[in-house]
N, C-alpha and C. Protein backbone atom coordinates (compact mmCIF):
# COMPACT_ATOMS: atom_id res chain seq x y z
N MET A 1 65.42 -12.10 -82.76
CA MET A 1 65.56 -12.70 -81.66
C MET A 1 64.55 -12.24 -80.44
N ARG A 2 63.90 -13.04 -79.83
CA ARG A 2 62.80 -12.81 -79.02
C ARG A 2 63.13 -12.93 -77.72
N VAL A 3 63.30 -11.86 -76.74
CA VAL A 3 63.56 -12.06 -75.43
C VAL A 3 62.55 -12.25 -74.40
N SER A 4 62.53 -13.33 -73.82
CA SER A 4 61.50 -13.74 -72.62
C SER A 4 61.58 -12.57 -71.55
N PRO A 5 60.35 -12.16 -71.00
CA PRO A 5 60.47 -11.33 -69.91
C PRO A 5 61.05 -11.88 -68.55
N ARG A 6 61.73 -11.13 -67.84
CA ARG A 6 62.41 -11.69 -66.78
C ARG A 6 61.44 -12.10 -65.64
N ARG A 7 61.60 -13.29 -64.98
CA ARG A 7 60.77 -13.84 -63.91
C ARG A 7 61.34 -13.48 -62.78
N ASN A 8 60.50 -12.85 -61.82
CA ASN A 8 61.18 -12.41 -60.43
C ASN A 8 61.00 -13.91 -59.87
N PRO A 9 62.02 -14.51 -59.27
CA PRO A 9 62.17 -15.63 -58.56
C PRO A 9 61.31 -15.63 -57.03
N LEU A 10 61.28 -14.59 -56.68
CA LEU A 10 60.67 -14.41 -55.31
C LEU A 10 58.97 -14.10 -55.65
N PRO A 11 58.37 -14.80 -54.70
CA PRO A 11 57.11 -14.58 -54.59
C PRO A 11 56.28 -13.42 -54.09
N SER A 12 55.37 -13.07 -54.78
CA SER A 12 54.80 -11.67 -54.22
C SER A 12 54.55 -11.74 -52.87
N PRO A 13 54.35 -10.64 -51.97
CA PRO A 13 54.09 -10.47 -50.51
C PRO A 13 52.48 -11.01 -50.41
N LEU A 14 51.61 -10.86 -51.22
CA LEU A 14 50.18 -11.15 -51.31
C LEU A 14 50.33 -12.75 -51.48
N SER A 15 50.92 -13.59 -52.15
CA SER A 15 50.92 -14.88 -52.28
C SER A 15 51.25 -15.58 -50.91
N LEU A 16 52.19 -15.01 -50.12
CA LEU A 16 52.60 -15.41 -48.84
C LEU A 16 51.54 -15.26 -47.75
N MET A 17 50.38 -14.47 -47.81
CA MET A 17 49.44 -14.33 -46.87
C MET A 17 48.60 -15.30 -47.00
N PRO A 18 48.10 -15.91 -45.53
CA PRO A 18 47.39 -17.17 -45.52
C PRO A 18 46.06 -16.76 -46.29
N ASP A 19 44.92 -17.87 -46.57
CA ASP A 19 43.72 -17.58 -47.02
C ASP A 19 43.02 -16.99 -45.89
N LYS A 20 42.04 -16.48 -46.13
CA LYS A 20 41.02 -15.77 -44.93
C LYS A 20 40.32 -16.97 -44.33
N THR A 21 40.18 -17.05 -43.06
CA THR A 21 39.64 -17.79 -42.19
C THR A 21 37.94 -17.84 -42.53
N ILE A 22 37.16 -18.87 -42.43
CA ILE A 22 35.75 -18.68 -42.61
C ILE A 22 35.20 -17.58 -41.74
N PHE A 23 35.79 -17.52 -40.58
CA PHE A 23 35.48 -16.30 -39.71
C PHE A 23 35.45 -14.82 -40.19
N LYS A 24 36.60 -14.83 -41.03
CA LYS A 24 36.93 -13.33 -41.51
C LYS A 24 36.09 -13.40 -42.90
N LYS A 25 35.78 -14.32 -43.55
CA LYS A 25 34.75 -14.22 -44.55
C LYS A 25 33.36 -13.97 -43.93
N ILE A 26 33.25 -14.42 -42.89
CA ILE A 26 31.78 -14.04 -42.21
C ILE A 26 31.76 -12.41 -42.12
N ILE A 27 32.80 -12.00 -41.23
CA ILE A 27 33.09 -10.69 -41.05
C ILE A 27 32.82 -9.81 -42.31
N ASP A 28 33.59 -10.07 -43.40
CA ASP A 28 33.40 -9.38 -44.52
C ASP A 28 32.32 -9.61 -45.15
N ARG A 29 31.29 -10.16 -44.73
CA ARG A 29 29.91 -10.66 -45.67
C ARG A 29 30.21 -11.41 -46.78
N GLU A 30 31.13 -12.42 -46.89
CA GLU A 30 31.51 -12.97 -48.22
C GLU A 30 30.80 -14.60 -47.90
N VAL A 31 30.49 -14.65 -46.62
CA VAL A 31 30.00 -16.11 -46.39
C VAL A 31 28.71 -15.63 -45.44
N PRO A 32 27.51 -16.15 -45.54
CA PRO A 32 26.35 -15.93 -44.77
C PRO A 32 26.32 -16.77 -43.42
N ALA A 33 25.78 -16.04 -42.44
CA ALA A 33 25.73 -16.52 -41.06
C ALA A 33 24.59 -15.76 -40.49
N LYS A 34 23.83 -16.57 -39.53
CA LYS A 34 22.82 -16.01 -38.75
C LYS A 34 23.40 -15.08 -37.55
N ILE A 35 23.68 -13.93 -37.74
CA ILE A 35 24.25 -13.00 -37.00
C ILE A 35 23.25 -12.60 -35.88
N VAL A 36 23.63 -12.93 -34.45
CA VAL A 36 22.76 -12.54 -33.40
C VAL A 36 23.20 -11.22 -32.75
N TYR A 37 24.41 -10.94 -32.93
CA TYR A 37 25.01 -9.52 -32.22
C TYR A 37 26.12 -9.06 -32.98
N GLU A 38 26.25 -7.87 -33.02
CA GLU A 38 27.40 -7.05 -33.87
C GLU A 38 27.61 -5.82 -33.25
N ASP A 39 28.81 -5.25 -33.10
CA ASP A 39 29.27 -4.09 -32.79
C ASP A 39 30.49 -3.71 -33.62
N ASP A 40 30.96 -2.48 -33.44
CA ASP A 40 32.30 -2.38 -34.12
C ASP A 40 33.52 -3.33 -33.56
N LEU A 41 33.48 -3.82 -32.73
CA LEU A 41 34.74 -4.75 -32.24
C LEU A 41 34.32 -6.25 -32.31
N CYS A 42 33.14 -6.66 -32.47
CA CYS A 42 33.07 -8.02 -32.33
C CYS A 42 31.62 -8.57 -32.90
N MET A 43 31.34 -9.82 -33.03
CA MET A 43 30.10 -10.15 -33.61
C MET A 43 30.00 -11.55 -33.04
N ALA A 44 28.79 -11.91 -33.08
CA ALA A 44 28.34 -13.32 -32.45
C ALA A 44 27.28 -13.97 -33.56
N PHE A 45 27.43 -15.38 -34.02
CA PHE A 45 26.57 -15.76 -34.74
C PHE A 45 26.05 -17.33 -34.56
N GLU A 46 25.26 -17.97 -34.90
CA GLU A 46 24.72 -19.27 -34.50
C GLU A 46 26.05 -20.31 -35.22
N ASP A 47 26.31 -21.39 -34.24
CA ASP A 47 27.29 -22.27 -34.75
C ASP A 47 26.40 -23.16 -35.74
N ILE A 48 27.22 -23.55 -37.03
CA ILE A 48 26.44 -24.58 -38.04
C ILE A 48 26.27 -25.89 -37.38
N HIS A 49 27.30 -26.34 -36.41
CA HIS A 49 27.09 -27.64 -35.80
C HIS A 49 26.76 -27.57 -34.22
N PRO A 50 25.45 -27.05 -33.86
CA PRO A 50 25.51 -26.86 -32.43
C PRO A 50 25.62 -28.07 -31.57
N ARG A 51 26.01 -27.63 -30.57
CA ARG A 51 26.05 -28.97 -29.48
C ARG A 51 25.30 -28.48 -28.28
N ALA A 52 24.22 -27.43 -28.28
CA ALA A 52 23.35 -27.11 -27.23
C ALA A 52 22.26 -26.47 -27.99
N PRO A 53 21.13 -26.35 -27.57
CA PRO A 53 19.84 -25.40 -28.03
C PRO A 53 20.35 -24.28 -28.42
N THR A 54 21.25 -23.66 -27.51
CA THR A 54 21.74 -22.13 -27.96
C THR A 54 23.35 -22.44 -28.20
N HIS A 55 23.94 -22.22 -29.26
CA HIS A 55 25.24 -22.42 -29.57
C HIS A 55 25.78 -21.36 -30.22
N LEU A 56 26.30 -20.24 -29.91
CA LEU A 56 26.84 -19.24 -30.64
C LEU A 56 28.26 -19.17 -30.82
N ILE A 57 29.00 -18.44 -31.54
CA ILE A 57 30.30 -18.32 -31.65
C ILE A 57 30.45 -16.74 -31.76
N VAL A 58 31.33 -16.36 -30.64
CA VAL A 58 31.56 -15.00 -30.44
C VAL A 58 33.19 -14.64 -31.01
N ILE A 59 33.33 -13.64 -31.85
CA ILE A 59 34.51 -13.45 -32.38
C ILE A 59 35.06 -11.97 -32.34
N PRO A 60 36.09 -11.51 -32.26
CA PRO A 60 36.33 -10.27 -32.63
C PRO A 60 36.60 -9.93 -33.82
N LYS A 61 36.43 -8.77 -34.28
CA LYS A 61 36.47 -8.36 -35.70
C LYS A 61 38.26 -8.36 -36.10
N LYS A 62 39.04 -8.11 -35.07
CA LYS A 62 40.40 -8.00 -35.36
C LYS A 62 40.89 -9.66 -35.33
N GLU A 63 41.75 -9.95 -36.50
CA GLU A 63 42.08 -11.22 -36.70
C GLU A 63 43.52 -11.41 -35.53
N ILE A 64 42.88 -12.45 -34.70
CA ILE A 64 43.81 -13.04 -33.69
C ILE A 64 43.86 -14.59 -33.81
N VAL A 65 45.05 -15.07 -33.85
CA VAL A 65 44.63 -16.54 -34.22
C VAL A 65 44.15 -17.22 -33.17
N SER A 66 44.79 -17.22 -31.68
CA SER A 66 44.18 -17.70 -30.58
C SER A 66 44.74 -17.08 -29.31
N VAL A 67 44.35 -17.80 -28.41
CA VAL A 67 44.65 -17.25 -26.94
C VAL A 67 46.40 -16.94 -26.86
N ASP A 68 47.13 -17.72 -27.42
CA ASP A 68 48.62 -17.74 -27.50
C ASP A 68 48.92 -16.67 -28.20
N ASP A 69 48.12 -15.67 -29.03
CA ASP A 69 48.53 -14.71 -29.56
C ASP A 69 48.01 -13.46 -29.35
N VAL A 70 47.11 -13.42 -28.12
CA VAL A 70 46.66 -12.17 -27.58
C VAL A 70 47.82 -11.27 -27.10
N GLU A 71 47.83 -10.18 -27.31
CA GLU A 71 48.98 -9.16 -26.86
C GLU A 71 48.46 -8.27 -25.80
N PRO A 72 49.41 -7.88 -25.16
CA PRO A 72 48.79 -6.53 -24.20
C PRO A 72 47.87 -5.64 -24.75
N GLU A 73 48.03 -5.03 -25.87
CA GLU A 73 47.12 -4.20 -26.62
C GLU A 73 45.87 -4.66 -26.84
N ASP A 74 45.68 -6.05 -26.66
CA ASP A 74 44.36 -6.68 -26.97
C ASP A 74 43.51 -6.91 -25.78
N GLU A 75 43.92 -6.37 -24.68
CA GLU A 75 43.21 -6.79 -23.14
C GLU A 75 41.91 -6.21 -23.26
N ALA A 76 41.59 -4.79 -23.73
CA ALA A 76 40.41 -4.06 -23.63
C ALA A 76 39.41 -5.11 -24.60
N LEU A 77 39.91 -5.48 -25.77
CA LEU A 77 39.27 -5.88 -26.58
C LEU A 77 38.65 -7.34 -26.18
N ILE A 78 39.47 -8.27 -25.61
CA ILE A 78 38.97 -9.48 -24.90
C ILE A 78 38.04 -9.17 -23.83
N GLY A 79 38.21 -8.15 -22.86
CA GLY A 79 37.10 -7.65 -22.03
C GLY A 79 36.08 -7.49 -22.78
N HIS A 80 36.07 -6.74 -23.79
CA HIS A 80 34.95 -6.12 -24.49
C HIS A 80 34.11 -7.62 -24.94
N LEU A 81 34.92 -8.55 -25.36
CA LEU A 81 34.07 -9.79 -25.72
C LEU A 81 33.31 -10.47 -24.56
N PHE A 82 33.57 -10.32 -23.56
CA PHE A 82 33.13 -10.99 -22.24
C PHE A 82 31.89 -10.01 -22.06
N THR A 83 31.99 -8.64 -22.20
CA THR A 83 31.01 -7.91 -21.96
C THR A 83 29.94 -8.06 -22.92
N ALA A 84 30.10 -8.25 -24.13
CA ALA A 84 29.18 -8.59 -25.26
C ALA A 84 28.54 -9.93 -25.04
N MET A 85 29.30 -10.91 -24.59
CA MET A 85 28.77 -12.19 -24.08
C MET A 85 27.53 -12.27 -22.94
N ARG A 86 27.79 -11.36 -22.08
CA ARG A 86 27.14 -10.97 -20.94
C ARG A 86 25.71 -10.27 -21.65
N LYS A 87 25.95 -9.35 -22.39
CA LYS A 87 24.58 -8.65 -23.19
C LYS A 87 23.86 -9.80 -23.97
N ILE A 88 24.68 -10.43 -24.65
CA ILE A 88 23.77 -11.65 -25.39
C ILE A 88 22.98 -12.51 -24.45
N ALA A 89 23.71 -12.89 -23.75
CA ALA A 89 23.02 -13.94 -22.67
C ALA A 89 21.65 -13.13 -22.17
N ALA A 90 21.76 -11.69 -21.68
CA ALA A 90 20.71 -11.24 -21.31
C ALA A 90 19.62 -11.00 -22.31
N GLN A 91 20.02 -10.62 -23.59
CA GLN A 91 19.14 -10.41 -24.64
C GLN A 91 18.37 -11.95 -25.18
N LEU A 92 19.04 -13.02 -24.79
CA LEU A 92 18.78 -14.32 -25.16
C LEU A 92 17.70 -14.62 -24.07
N SER A 93 17.84 -14.19 -22.76
CA SER A 93 17.21 -14.65 -21.60
C SER A 93 17.58 -15.97 -21.13
N LEU A 94 18.97 -16.06 -21.01
CA LEU A 94 19.82 -17.30 -20.76
C LEU A 94 19.69 -17.35 -19.17
N SER A 95 18.68 -17.15 -18.63
CA SER A 95 18.81 -16.98 -17.11
C SER A 95 19.37 -18.35 -16.28
N GLY A 96 18.99 -19.43 -16.84
CA GLY A 96 19.50 -20.69 -16.36
C GLY A 96 21.02 -21.01 -16.27
N GLY A 97 21.85 -20.23 -17.11
CA GLY A 97 23.07 -20.20 -17.05
C GLY A 97 23.64 -20.58 -18.53
N TYR A 98 24.95 -20.35 -18.60
CA TYR A 98 25.53 -20.74 -20.01
C TYR A 98 26.79 -20.94 -19.77
N ARG A 99 27.50 -21.70 -20.89
CA ARG A 99 28.72 -21.96 -20.56
C ARG A 99 29.73 -21.16 -21.94
N VAL A 100 30.86 -20.79 -21.27
CA VAL A 100 31.69 -19.95 -22.37
C VAL A 100 32.91 -20.91 -22.57
N ILE A 101 33.35 -21.54 -23.83
CA ILE A 101 34.57 -22.16 -24.10
C ILE A 101 35.33 -21.61 -24.99
N THR A 102 36.65 -21.82 -24.68
CA THR A 102 37.49 -21.35 -25.88
C THR A 102 38.76 -22.33 -26.04
N ASN A 103 39.15 -22.70 -27.30
CA ASN A 103 40.12 -23.70 -27.56
C ASN A 103 41.45 -23.07 -28.23
N CYS A 104 42.52 -23.59 -27.64
CA CYS A 104 43.74 -22.99 -27.90
C CYS A 104 44.53 -23.99 -28.76
N GLY A 105 44.57 -23.89 -30.01
CA GLY A 105 45.45 -24.86 -30.79
C GLY A 105 44.68 -26.08 -31.29
N ARG A 106 45.17 -26.83 -32.23
CA ARG A 106 44.60 -28.05 -32.97
C ARG A 106 44.50 -28.90 -32.01
N ASP A 107 45.41 -29.29 -31.05
CA ASP A 107 45.28 -30.45 -30.13
C ASP A 107 44.24 -30.27 -29.07
N ALA A 108 43.87 -28.88 -28.79
CA ALA A 108 42.62 -28.52 -27.70
C ALA A 108 41.25 -28.52 -28.58
N GLY A 109 41.27 -28.79 -29.94
CA GLY A 109 40.17 -28.86 -30.60
C GLY A 109 39.69 -27.31 -31.45
N GLN A 110 40.71 -26.59 -31.64
CA GLN A 110 40.49 -25.24 -32.26
C GLN A 110 40.58 -25.60 -33.89
N GLU A 111 39.49 -25.46 -34.57
CA GLU A 111 39.41 -25.84 -36.12
C GLU A 111 39.67 -24.72 -36.69
N VAL A 112 39.17 -23.61 -36.15
CA VAL A 112 39.26 -22.12 -37.07
C VAL A 112 40.56 -21.30 -36.34
N MET A 113 41.46 -20.92 -37.18
CA MET A 113 42.55 -20.10 -36.74
C MET A 113 42.41 -18.62 -36.46
N HIS A 114 41.08 -18.25 -35.90
CA HIS A 114 40.64 -17.07 -35.35
C HIS A 114 40.07 -17.17 -34.05
N ILE A 115 40.79 -16.43 -32.93
CA ILE A 115 40.26 -16.69 -31.68
C ILE A 115 38.79 -16.51 -31.80
N HIS A 116 38.04 -17.36 -31.04
CA HIS A 116 36.69 -17.33 -31.02
C HIS A 116 36.15 -18.32 -29.48
N PHE A 117 34.81 -17.76 -29.12
CA PHE A 117 34.52 -18.20 -28.03
C PHE A 117 33.13 -18.82 -28.33
N HIS A 118 32.75 -20.05 -27.65
CA HIS A 118 31.61 -20.67 -27.90
C HIS A 118 30.62 -20.24 -26.69
N LEU A 119 29.42 -19.97 -26.86
CA LEU A 119 28.61 -19.62 -25.87
C LEU A 119 27.48 -20.44 -25.94
N LEU A 120 27.26 -21.50 -25.02
CA LEU A 120 26.23 -22.59 -25.08
C LEU A 120 25.50 -22.47 -24.00
N ALA A 121 23.89 -22.82 -24.16
CA ALA A 121 23.10 -22.81 -23.14
C ALA A 121 21.77 -23.27 -23.77
N GLY A 122 20.95 -23.70 -22.72
CA GLY A 122 19.71 -24.35 -23.12
C GLY A 122 19.56 -25.80 -22.70
N ARG A 123 20.60 -26.12 -22.03
CA ARG A 123 20.83 -27.73 -21.28
C ARG A 123 21.58 -27.67 -20.25
N LYS A 124 21.54 -28.84 -19.42
CA LYS A 124 22.53 -28.92 -18.09
C LYS A 124 23.68 -29.53 -18.84
N PHE A 125 24.68 -28.90 -18.23
CA PHE A 125 26.31 -29.16 -18.72
C PHE A 125 26.86 -30.34 -17.42
N THR A 126 27.66 -30.94 -17.81
CA THR A 126 28.24 -31.61 -16.84
C THR A 126 30.03 -31.27 -16.75
N TRP A 127 30.60 -31.70 -15.74
CA TRP A 127 32.08 -31.67 -15.62
C TRP A 127 32.74 -33.02 -15.41
N PRO A 128 33.92 -33.31 -16.01
CA PRO A 128 34.53 -32.43 -16.90
C PRO A 128 33.78 -32.59 -18.13
N PRO A 129 34.19 -31.49 -19.05
CA PRO A 129 33.44 -31.46 -20.35
C PRO A 129 33.96 -32.34 -21.47
N GLY A 130 35.16 -33.07 -21.25
CA GLY A 130 35.41 -33.89 -22.51
C GLY A 130 36.84 -34.15 -22.34
């Protein structure tokens, strides 16, 4: 008589982890991107569906889902992102101004569940934005 191996009814912890976001895949160099800025904490790359002549995505390398998931220990990181955006704007000579946008949650238009900022420039923007 042959005995079948016992099956564990609980899923492994790895199977419970969500798939990597496209941004995490870019950080890990699994997906190509036109990276325009990178340091130890963040990176910026061109948006694949630009809404302005300059349209960059700026992300922390730390995985944070949205503004709702920013913790007190992330304050320095979020500040760093804004400092990086200022550097990027100077590097690209965006002297006419630029807009920084973030969306929090699907109803607000967040498509990738990794906090990110859109840095847009190169045209005149109106208000309200949409």
